[in-house]
Amino acid sequence: MRKQTLRSILVFSFLFVSILVYSQELYQDVVTLKNGKVVRGIIIEQVSDQYLKIRTRDSKILEISMEDVEQISQETFQIDASKRELYDPYFFKSKHDYWSLATGIGPSYGGMGLRFQQRFGKIQGYGYHVGMGVMTGGEGYRSFWGYSFGFKFFPYKSYYVNAQYGSIGIVYQEDILGNIVNQEALYGPSALIGADWFFSQYFGMNVGIGASFNITHPDVQAVIFTYDFGLVVKIK
């Protein structure tokens, strides 16, 4: 059990560090004018062939006539991780109110499955989620339908504290010949901290780590290390 816990912690640490490194790549719009001037920023409004408004890195909002525009494109660039916070309000065009659909593994996904979530608020917010999936231990194990429902508090942007209830694992017994018998699903509450980290306006990853609390089977340890990992798509 200790080896499995250590392995899970190492996997989670690797995934989390990978996300932090990758997230330093940012996107910006590039507007090239007919007079040769180039304006870089985020387009916040565009009215067909009339005009567009672009917010520059120094937070200025410029209105440009479409008659003066030669080309609109996008480019990426890297920034130091310590400076990323200065750019967040500028580069993240999407609102903090959104619905999302995710696929992954963990208690929020009912084992291995799907999770629907809605987030409310602004930089600080709250939300709810429901999940449904399949729990299985591999060859020789019976599969069980899993589920979850819970509530999240977002103290800052994508970071959350999650309290939920649902499927948390499978317990089994072996006979004298080593055959698996009497398999049962475990249920209970879980508490996790994590982030729904978006790489772009619509796509991101969910990572979370915490503990589940077994309340249905007295022969199994009460506290179980757990984690969530999945791919997220904003659907509104």
C-alpha atoms as a PDB file:
ATOM      1  CA  MET A   1       0.000   0.000   0.000  1.00  0.00           C
ATOM      2  CA  ARG A   2       2.856   2.409   0.803  1.00  0.00           C
ATOM      3  CA  LYS A   3       4.487   1.722  -2.581  1.00  0.00           C
ATOM      4  CA  GLN A   4       1.213   2.459  -4.384  1.00  0.00           C
ATOM      5  CA  THR A   5       0.772   5.700  -2.452  1.00  0.00           C
ATOM      6  CA  LEU A   6       4.349   6.816  -3.201  1.00  0.00           C
ATOM      7  CA  ARG A   7       3.909   5.966  -6.890  1.00  0.00           C
ATOM      8  CA  SER A   8       0.680   7.985  -7.057  1.00  0.00           C
ATOM      9  CA  ILE A   9       2.338  10.992  -5.414  1.00  0.00           C
ATOM     10  CA  LEU A  10       5.241  10.870  -7.901  1.00  0.00           C
ATOM     11  CA  VAL A  11       2.848  10.628 -10.879  1.00  0.00           C
ATOM     12  CA  PHE A  12       0.809  13.582  -9.620  1.00  0.00           C
ATOM     13  CA  SER A  13       3.959  15.664  -8.985  1.00  0.00           C
ATOM     14  CA  PHE A  14       5.248  15.003 -12.506  1.00  0.00           C
ATOM     15  CA  LEU A  15       1.924  15.966 -14.085  1.00  0.00           C
ATOM     16  CA  PHE A  16       1.602  19.119 -12.005  1.00  0.00           C
ATOM     17  CA  VAL A  17       5.138  20.303 -12.784  1.00  0.00           C
ATOM     18  CA  SER A  18       4.580  19.588 -16.487  1.00  0.00           C
ATOM     19  CA  ILE A  19       1.480  21.756 -16.478  1.00  0.00           C
ATOM     20  CA  LEU A  20       3.291  24.618 -14.758  1.00  0.00           C
ATOM     21  CA  VAL A  21       6.081  24.526 -17.330  1.00  0.00           C
ATOM     22  CA  TYR A  22       3.734  24.321 -20.295  1.00  0.00           C
ATOM     23  CA  SER A  23       1.528  27.114 -19.032  1.00  0.00           C
ATOM     24  CA  GLN A  24       4.246  29.703 -19.559  1.00  0.00           C
ATOM     25  CA  GLU A  25       3.432  29.831 -23.308  1.00  0.00           C
ATOM     26  CA  LEU A  26       0.998  32.683 -24.007  1.00  0.00           C
ATOM     27  CA  TYR A  27      -0.970  33.752 -27.063  1.00  0.00           C
ATOM     28  CA  GLN A  28      -1.558  37.208 -28.496  1.00  0.00           C
ATOM     29  CA  ASP A  29      -3.260  38.684 -31.554  1.00  0.00           C
ATOM     30  CA  VAL A  30      -1.141  40.487 -34.127  1.00  0.00           C
ATOM     31  CA  VAL A  31      -2.804  43.203 -36.232  1.00  0.00           C
ATOM     32  CA  THR A  32      -0.737  44.348 -39.230  1.00  0.00           C
ATOM     33  CA  LEU A  33      -1.856  47.679 -40.692  1.00  0.00           C
ATOM     34  CA  LYS A  34      -1.632  48.782 -44.314  1.00  0.00           C
ATOM     35  CA  ASN A  35       0.887  51.473 -43.360  1.00  0.00           C
ATOM     36  CA  GLY A  36       3.248  48.784 -42.051  1.00  0.00           C
ATOM     37  CA  LYS A  37       2.590  49.327 -38.339  1.00  0.00           C
ATOM     38  CA  VAL A  38       2.055  46.235 -36.179  1.00  0.00           C
ATOM     39  CA  VAL A  39      -0.161  46.217 -33.068  1.00  0.00           C
ATOM     40  CA  ARG A  40       0.066  43.304 -30.616  1.00  0.00           C
ATOM     41  CA  GLY A  41      -2.517  42.512 -27.986  1.00  0.00           C
ATOM     42  CA  ILE A  42      -5.837  40.764 -27.445  1.00  0.00           C
ATOM     43  CA  ILE A  43      -8.802  41.607 -29.695  1.00  0.00           C
ATOM     44  CA  ILE A  44     -11.714  42.208 -27.333  1.00  0.00           C
ATOM     45  CA  GLU A  45     -14.279  43.326 -29.910  1.00  0.00           C
ATOM     46  CA  GLN A  46     -14.617  43.114 -33.681  1.00  0.00           C
ATOM     47  CA  VAL A  47     -17.506  44.363 -35.803  1.00  0.00           C
ATOM     48  CA  SER A  48     -17.319  42.677 -39.230  1.00  0.00           C
ATOM     49  CA  ASP A  49     -15.832  45.170 -41.733  1.00  0.00           C
ATOM     50  CA  GLN A  50     -16.192  48.257 -39.527  1.00  0.00           C
ATOM     51  CA  TYR A  51     -13.679  48.252 -36.667  1.00  0.00           C
ATOM     52  CA  LEU A  52     -11.953  46.226 -33.976  1.00  0.00           C
ATOM     53  CA  LYS A  53     -10.812  46.985 -30.453  1.00  0.00           C
ATOM     54  CA  ILE A  54      -7.554  45.557 -29.133  1.00  0.00           C
ATOM     55  CA  ARG A  55      -6.144  45.663 -25.610  1.00  0.00           C
ATOM     56  CA  THR A  56      -2.367  46.029 -25.565  1.00  0.00           C
ATOM     57  CA  ARG A  57       0.012  44.706 -22.916  1.00  0.00           C
ATOM     58  CA  ASP A  58       0.098  48.072 -21.165  1.00  0.00           C
ATOM     59  CA  SER A  59      -3.736  47.827 -20.813  1.00  0.00           C
ATOM     60  CA  LYS A  60      -4.494  50.480 -23.444  1.00  0.00           C
ATOM     61  CA  ILE A  61      -7.549  49.854 -25.611  1.00  0.00           C
ATOM     62  CA  LEU A  62      -7.136  50.922 -29.240  1.00  0.00           C
ATOM     63  CA  GLU A  63      -9.938  51.158 -31.799  1.00  0.00           C
ATOM     64  CA  ILE A  64      -8.788  50.425 -35.342  1.00  0.00           C
ATOM     65  CA  SER A  65     -10.805  50.832 -38.525  1.00  0.00           C
ATOM     66  CA  MET A  66     -10.980  47.623 -40.572  1.00  0.00           C
ATOM     67  CA  GLU A  67     -10.166  49.698 -43.645  1.00  0.00           C
ATOM     68  CA  ASP A  68      -6.674  50.177 -42.208  1.00  0.00           C
ATOM     69  CA  VAL A  69      -6.109  46.483 -41.425  1.00  0.00           C
ATOM     70  CA  GLU A  70      -3.919  44.421 -43.742  1.00  0.00           C
ATOM     71  CA  GLN A  71      -3.815  41.157 -41.795  1.00  0.00           C
ATOM     72  CA  ILE A  72      -4.813  39.595 -38.436  1.00  0.00           C
ATOM     73  CA  SER A  73      -2.859  36.644 -37.027  1.00  0.00           C
ATOM     74  CA  GLN A  74      -1.767  35.060 -33.755  1.00  0.00           C
ATOM     75  CA  GLU A  75       1.607  34.308 -32.245  1.00  0.00           C
ATOM     76  CA  THR A  76       2.995  32.718 -29.099  1.00  0.00           C
ATOM     77  CA  PHE A  77       5.771  33.848 -26.808  1.00  0.00           C
ATOM     78  CA  GLN A  78       7.348  32.800 -23.531  1.00  0.00           C
ATOM     79  CA  ILE A  79       7.493  34.751 -20.286  1.00  0.00           C
ATOM     80  CA  ASP A  80       9.197  34.180 -16.987  1.00  0.00           C
ATOM     81  CA  ALA A  81       6.924  32.258 -14.603  1.00  0.00           C
ATOM     82  CA  SER A  82       7.304  34.954 -11.937  1.00  0.00           C
ATOM     83  CA  LYS A  83       5.793  37.543 -14.320  1.00  0.00           C
ATOM     84  CA  ARG A  84       2.848  35.462 -15.540  1.00  0.00           C
ATOM     85  CA  GLU A  85       0.518  36.912 -12.921  1.00  0.00           C
ATOM     86  CA  LEU A  86       0.890  40.348 -14.521  1.00  0.00           C
ATOM     87  CA  TYR A  87      -0.462  38.988 -17.805  1.00  0.00           C
ATOM     88  CA  ASP A  88      -3.334  36.794 -16.596  1.00  0.00           C
ATOM     89  CA  PRO A  89      -6.088  39.460 -16.655  1.00  0.00           C
ATOM     90  CA  TYR A  90      -4.961  40.404 -20.163  1.00  0.00           C
ATOM     91  CA  PHE A  91      -4.501  37.043 -21.848  1.00  0.00           C
ATOM     92  CA  PHE A  92      -7.351  35.011 -20.427  1.00  0.00           C
ATOM     93  CA  LYS A  93     -10.203  36.261 -22.621  1.00  0.00           C
ATOM     94  CA  SER A  94     -12.778  33.795 -21.297  1.00  0.00           C
ATOM     95  CA  LYS A  95     -15.053  34.704 -18.410  1.00  0.00           C
ATOM     96  CA  HIS A  96     -14.882  32.964 -15.060  1.00  0.00           C
ATOM     97  CA  ASP A  97     -18.517  31.829 -15.456  1.00  0.00           C
ATOM     98  CA  TYR A  98     -18.540  28.699 -17.580  1.00  0.00           C
ATOM     99  CA  TRP A  99     -19.736  25.126 -18.045  1.00  0.00           C
ATOM    100  CA  SER A 100     -17.233  22.396 -18.767  1.00  0.00           C
ATOM    101  CA  LEU A 101     -17.101  18.724 -19.676  1.00  0.00           C
ATOM    102  CA  ALA A 102     -14.113  16.613 -18.688  1.00  0.00           C
ATOM    103  CA  THR A 103     -12.960  13.031 -19.086  1.00  0.00           C
ATOM    104  CA  GLY A 104     -10.501  11.455 -16.700  1.00  0.00           C
ATOM    105  CA  ILE A 105      -9.858   9.270 -13.682  1.00  0.00           C
ATOM    106  CA  GLY A 106     -10.463   9.868  -9.990  1.00  0.00           C
ATOM    107  CA  PRO A 107     -13.349  10.221  -7.549  1.00  0.00           C
ATOM    108  CA  SER A 108     -14.757  13.272  -9.377  1.00  0.00           C
ATOM    109  CA  TYR A 109     -15.148  11.091 -12.491  1.00  0.00           C
ATOM    110  CA  GLY A 110     -16.780   8.150 -10.715  1.00  0.00           C
ATOM    111  CA  GLY A 111     -13.617   6.113 -11.285  1.00  0.00           C
ATOM    112  CA  MET A 112     -12.894   6.429 -15.007  1.00  0.00           C
ATOM    113  CA  GLY A 113     -15.510   8.483 -16.812  1.00  0.00           C
ATOM    114  CA  LEU A 114     -17.004  11.916 -17.421  1.00  0.00           C
ATOM    115  CA  ARG A 115     -17.494  14.994 -15.239  1.00  0.00           C
ATOM    116  CA  PHE A 116     -19.858  17.899 -15.873  1.00  0.00           C
ATOM    117  CA  GLN A 117     -19.135  21.139 -14.010  1.00  0.00           C
ATOM    118  CA  GLN A 118     -20.499  24.659 -13.764  1.00  0.00           C
ATOM    119  CA  ARG A 119     -18.505  27.546 -12.262  1.00  0.00           C
ATOM    120  CA  PHE A 120     -19.933  30.854 -11.062  1.00  0.00           C
ATOM    121  CA  GLY A 121     -18.326  34.085  -9.940  1.00  0.00           C
ATOM    122  CA  LYS A 122     -15.350  36.087 -11.046  1.00  0.00           C
ATOM    123  CA  ILE A 123     -11.742  35.659  -9.895  1.00  0.00           C
ATOM    124  CA  GLN A 124     -13.172  34.171  -6.693  1.00  0.00           C
ATOM    125  CA  GLY A 125     -16.092  31.839  -7.253  1.00  0.00           C
ATOM    126  CA  TYR A 126     -17.859  28.590  -6.572  1.00  0.00           C
ATOM    127  CA  GLY A 127     -19.376  25.728  -8.525  1.00  0.00           C
ATOM    128  CA  TYR A 128     -20.815  22.232  -8.573  1.00  0.00           C
ATOM    129  CA  HIS A 129     -20.019  19.066 -10.493  1.00  0.00           C
ATOM    130  CA  VAL A 130     -21.439  15.608 -11.183  1.00  0.00           C
ATOM    131  CA  GLY A 131     -19.566  12.622 -12.542  1.00  0.00           C
ATOM    132  CA  MET A 132     -20.276   9.108 -13.775  1.00  0.00           C
ATOM    133  CA  GLY A 133     -17.864   6.374 -14.730  1.00  0.00           C
ATOM    134  CA  VAL A 134     -16.674   2.811 -14.238  1.00  0.00           C
ATOM    135  CA  MET A 135     -14.574   1.436 -11.389  1.00  0.00           C
ATOM    136  CA  THR A 136     -12.420  -1.601 -12.036  1.00  0.00           C
ATOM    137  CA  GLY A 137      -9.283  -3.070 -10.534  1.00  0.00           C
ATOM    138  CA  GLY A 138      -8.175  -4.803 -13.717  1.00  0.00           C
ATOM    139  CA  GLU A 139      -8.109  -8.465 -14.681  1.00  0.00           C
ATOM    140  CA  GLY A 140     -10.056 -10.670 -12.303  1.00  0.00           C
ATOM    141  CA  TYR A 141     -12.008  -7.770 -10.853  1.00  0.00           C
ATOM    142  CA  ARG A 142     -15.662  -7.049 -11.331  1.00  0.00           C
ATOM    143  CA  SER A 143     -16.525  -3.616 -12.729  1.00  0.00           C
ATOM    144  CA  PHE A 144     -18.914  -1.278 -10.931  1.00  0.00           C
ATOM    145  CA  TRP A 145     -20.724   1.831 -12.090  1.00  0.00           C
ATOM    146  CA  GLY A 146     -19.410   4.837 -10.211  1.00  0.00           C
ATOM    147  CA  TYR A 147     -20.774   8.311  -9.544  1.00  0.00           C
ATOM    148  CA  SER A 148     -19.949  11.533  -7.739  1.00  0.00           C
ATOM    149  CA  PHE A 149     -21.449  14.895  -6.925  1.00  0.00           C
ATOM    150  CA  GLY A 150     -19.848  17.769  -5.129  1.00  0.00           C
ATOM    151  CA  PHE A 151     -19.238  21.457  -4.610  1.00  0.00           C
ATOM    152  CA  LYS A 152     -16.154  23.571  -5.191  1.00  0.00           C
ATOM    153  CA  PHE A 153     -14.887  26.836  -3.811  1.00  0.00           C
ATOM    154  CA  PHE A 154     -12.487  28.741  -6.094  1.00  0.00           C
ATOM    155  CA  PRO A 155     -10.432  31.097  -3.900  1.00  0.00           C
ATOM    156  CA  TYR A 156      -8.493  32.325  -6.921  1.00  0.00           C
ATOM    157  CA  LYS A 157      -9.267  31.742 -10.605  1.00  0.00           C
ATOM    158  CA  SER A 158      -8.832  28.058 -11.504  1.00  0.00           C
ATOM    159  CA  TYR A 159      -7.640  26.855  -8.087  1.00  0.00           C
ATOM    160  CA  TYR A 160     -10.260  25.071  -6.001  1.00  0.00           C
ATOM    161  CA  VAL A 161     -11.138  23.251  -2.812  1.00  0.00           C
ATOM    162  CA  ASN A 162     -13.507  20.373  -3.536  1.00  0.00           C
ATOM    163  CA  ALA A 163     -15.905  18.555  -1.191  1.00  0.00           C
ATOM    164  CA  GLN A 164     -17.846  15.678  -2.725  1.00  0.00           C
ATOM    165  CA  TYR A 165     -19.511  12.321  -2.167  1.00  0.00           C
ATOM    166  CA  GLY A 166     -19.499   9.214  -4.332  1.00  0.00           C
ATOM    167  CA  SER A 167     -17.620   6.098  -5.388  1.00  0.00           C
ATOM    168  CA  ILE A 168     -14.084   5.837  -4.053  1.00  0.00           C
ATOM    169  CA  GLY A 169     -12.895   2.300  -4.824  1.00  0.00           C
ATOM    170  CA  ILE A 170     -13.431  -1.463  -4.714  1.00  0.00           C
ATOM    171  CA  VAL A 171     -12.884  -3.895  -1.845  1.00  0.00           C
ATOM    172  CA  TYR A 172     -12.508  -7.645  -2.329  1.00  0.00           C
ATOM    173  CA  GLN A 173     -11.710 -10.820  -0.447  1.00  0.00           C
ATOM    174  CA  GLU A 174      -9.723 -13.879  -1.531  1.00  0.00           C
ATOM    175  CA  ASP A 175     -10.505 -17.520  -0.826  1.00  0.00           C
ATOM    176  CA  ILE A 176      -7.864 -20.052   0.245  1.00  0.00           C
ATOM    177  CA  LEU A 177      -6.913 -20.633  -3.392  1.00  0.00           C
ATOM    178  CA  GLY A 178      -6.280 -16.945  -4.018  1.00  0.00           C
ATOM    179  CA  ASN A 179      -9.417 -16.418  -6.088  1.00  0.00           C
ATOM    180  CA  ILE A 180     -11.088 -13.017  -5.791  1.00  0.00           C
ATOM    181  CA  VAL A 181     -14.509 -13.204  -4.152  1.00  0.00           C
ATOM    182  CA  ASN A 182     -17.053 -10.916  -2.491  1.00  0.00           C
ATOM    183  CA  GLN A 183     -16.206  -7.758  -4.406  1.00  0.00           C
ATOM    184  CA  GLU A 184     -17.963  -4.602  -3.271  1.00  0.00           C
ATOM    185  CA  ALA A 185     -17.854  -0.920  -4.209  1.00  0.00           C
ATOM    186  CA  LEU A 186     -16.756   1.614  -1.604  1.00  0.00           C
ATOM    187  CA  TYR A 187     -18.526   4.938  -1.101  1.00  0.00           C
ATOM    188  CA  GLY A 188     -17.823   8.002   0.954  1.00  0.00           C
ATOM    189  CA  PRO A 189     -16.905  11.699   0.971  1.00  0.00           C
ATOM    190  CA  SER A 190     -13.711  13.089  -0.557  1.00  0.00           C
ATOM    191  CA  ALA A 191     -11.798  16.330  -0.049  1.00  0.00           C
ATOM    192  CA  LEU A 192      -9.368  17.567  -2.699  1.00  0.00           C
ATOM    193  CA  ILE A 193      -7.407  20.646  -3.669  1.00  0.00           C
ATOM    194  CA  GLY A 194      -6.437  21.267  -7.265  1.00  0.00           C
ATOM    195  CA  ALA A 195      -6.940  23.319 -10.398  1.00  0.00           C
ATOM    196  CA  ASP A 196      -8.882  23.323 -13.655  1.00  0.00           C
ATOM    197  CA  TRP A 197      -5.954  24.693 -15.615  1.00  0.00           C
ATOM    198  CA  PHE A 198      -6.813  26.055 -19.080  1.00  0.00           C
ATOM    199  CA  PHE A 199      -4.102  26.227 -21.738  1.00  0.00           C
ATOM    200  CA  SER A 200      -6.325  28.251 -24.083  1.00  0.00           C
ATOM    201  CA  GLN A 201      -9.801  29.750 -24.151  1.00  0.00           C
ATOM    202  CA  TYR A 202     -11.476  26.340 -24.351  1.00  0.00           C
ATOM    203  CA  PHE A 203      -9.064  23.509 -23.515  1.00  0.00           C
ATOM    204  CA  GLY A 204      -7.320  22.563 -20.303  1.00  0.00           C
ATOM    205  CA  MET A 205      -6.498  19.946 -17.690  1.00  0.00           C
ATOM    206  CA  ASN A 206      -7.849  19.043 -14.281  1.00  0.00           C
ATOM    207  CA  VAL A 207      -5.465  17.946 -11.534  1.00  0.00           C
ATOM    208  CA  GLY A 208      -6.376  17.394  -7.913  1.00  0.00           C
ATOM    209  CA  ILE A 209      -5.018  15.617  -4.859  1.00  0.00           C
ATOM    210  CA  GLY A 210      -6.583  14.755  -1.527  1.00  0.00           C
ATOM    211  CA  ALA A 211      -8.200  12.021   0.538  1.00  0.00           C
ATOM    212  CA  SER A 212     -11.327   9.893   0.412  1.00  0.00           C
ATOM    213  CA  PHE A 213     -13.046   8.629   3.541  1.00  0.00           C
ATOM    214  CA  ASN A 214     -14.483   5.097   3.498  1.00  0.00           C
ATOM    215  CA  ILE A 215     -17.763   4.925   5.421  1.00  0.00           C
ATOM    216  CA  THR A 216     -19.316   1.790   3.902  1.00  0.00           C
ATOM    217  CA  HIS A 217     -16.952  -1.082   4.721  1.00  0.00           C
ATOM    218  CA  PRO A 218     -15.501  -1.506   8.248  1.00  0.00           C
ATOM    219  CA  ASP A 219     -12.752  -3.897   7.098  1.00  0.00           C
ATOM    220  CA  VAL A 220     -11.095  -1.289   4.855  1.00  0.00           C
ATOM    221  CA  GLN A 221      -8.923   1.598   6.027  1.00  0.00           C
ATOM    222  CA  ALA A 222     -10.895   4.736   6.736  1.00  0.00           C
ATOM    223  CA  VAL A 223      -8.683   7.236   4.844  1.00  0.00           C
ATOM    224  CA  ILE A 224      -7.568   6.568   1.266  1.00  0.00           C
ATOM    225  CA  PHE A 225      -5.147   8.741  -0.720  1.00  0.00           C
ATOM    226  CA  THR A 226      -6.774   9.856  -3.982  1.00  0.00           C
ATOM    227  CA  TYR A 227      -6.275  12.122  -6.975  1.00  0.00           C
ATOM    228  CA  ASP A 228      -8.120  13.459 -10.036  1.00  0.00           C
ATOM    229  CA  PHE A 229      -6.606  13.811 -13.477  1.00  0.00           C
ATOM    230  CA  GLY A 230      -8.470  14.694 -16.664  1.00  0.00           C
ATOM    231  CA  LEU A 231      -8.831  16.734 -19.849  1.00  0.00           C
ATOM    232  CA  VAL A 232     -11.346  19.608 -19.779  1.00  0.00           C
ATOM    233  CA  VAL A 233     -13.310  21.369 -22.505  1.00  0.00           C
ATOM    234  CA  LYS A 234     -15.341  24.544 -21.910  1.00  0.00           C
ATOM    235  CA  ILE A 235     -18.744  24.190 -23.538  1.00  0.00           C
ATOM    236  CA  LYS A 236     -20.041  27.683 -22.744  1.00  0.00           C
END
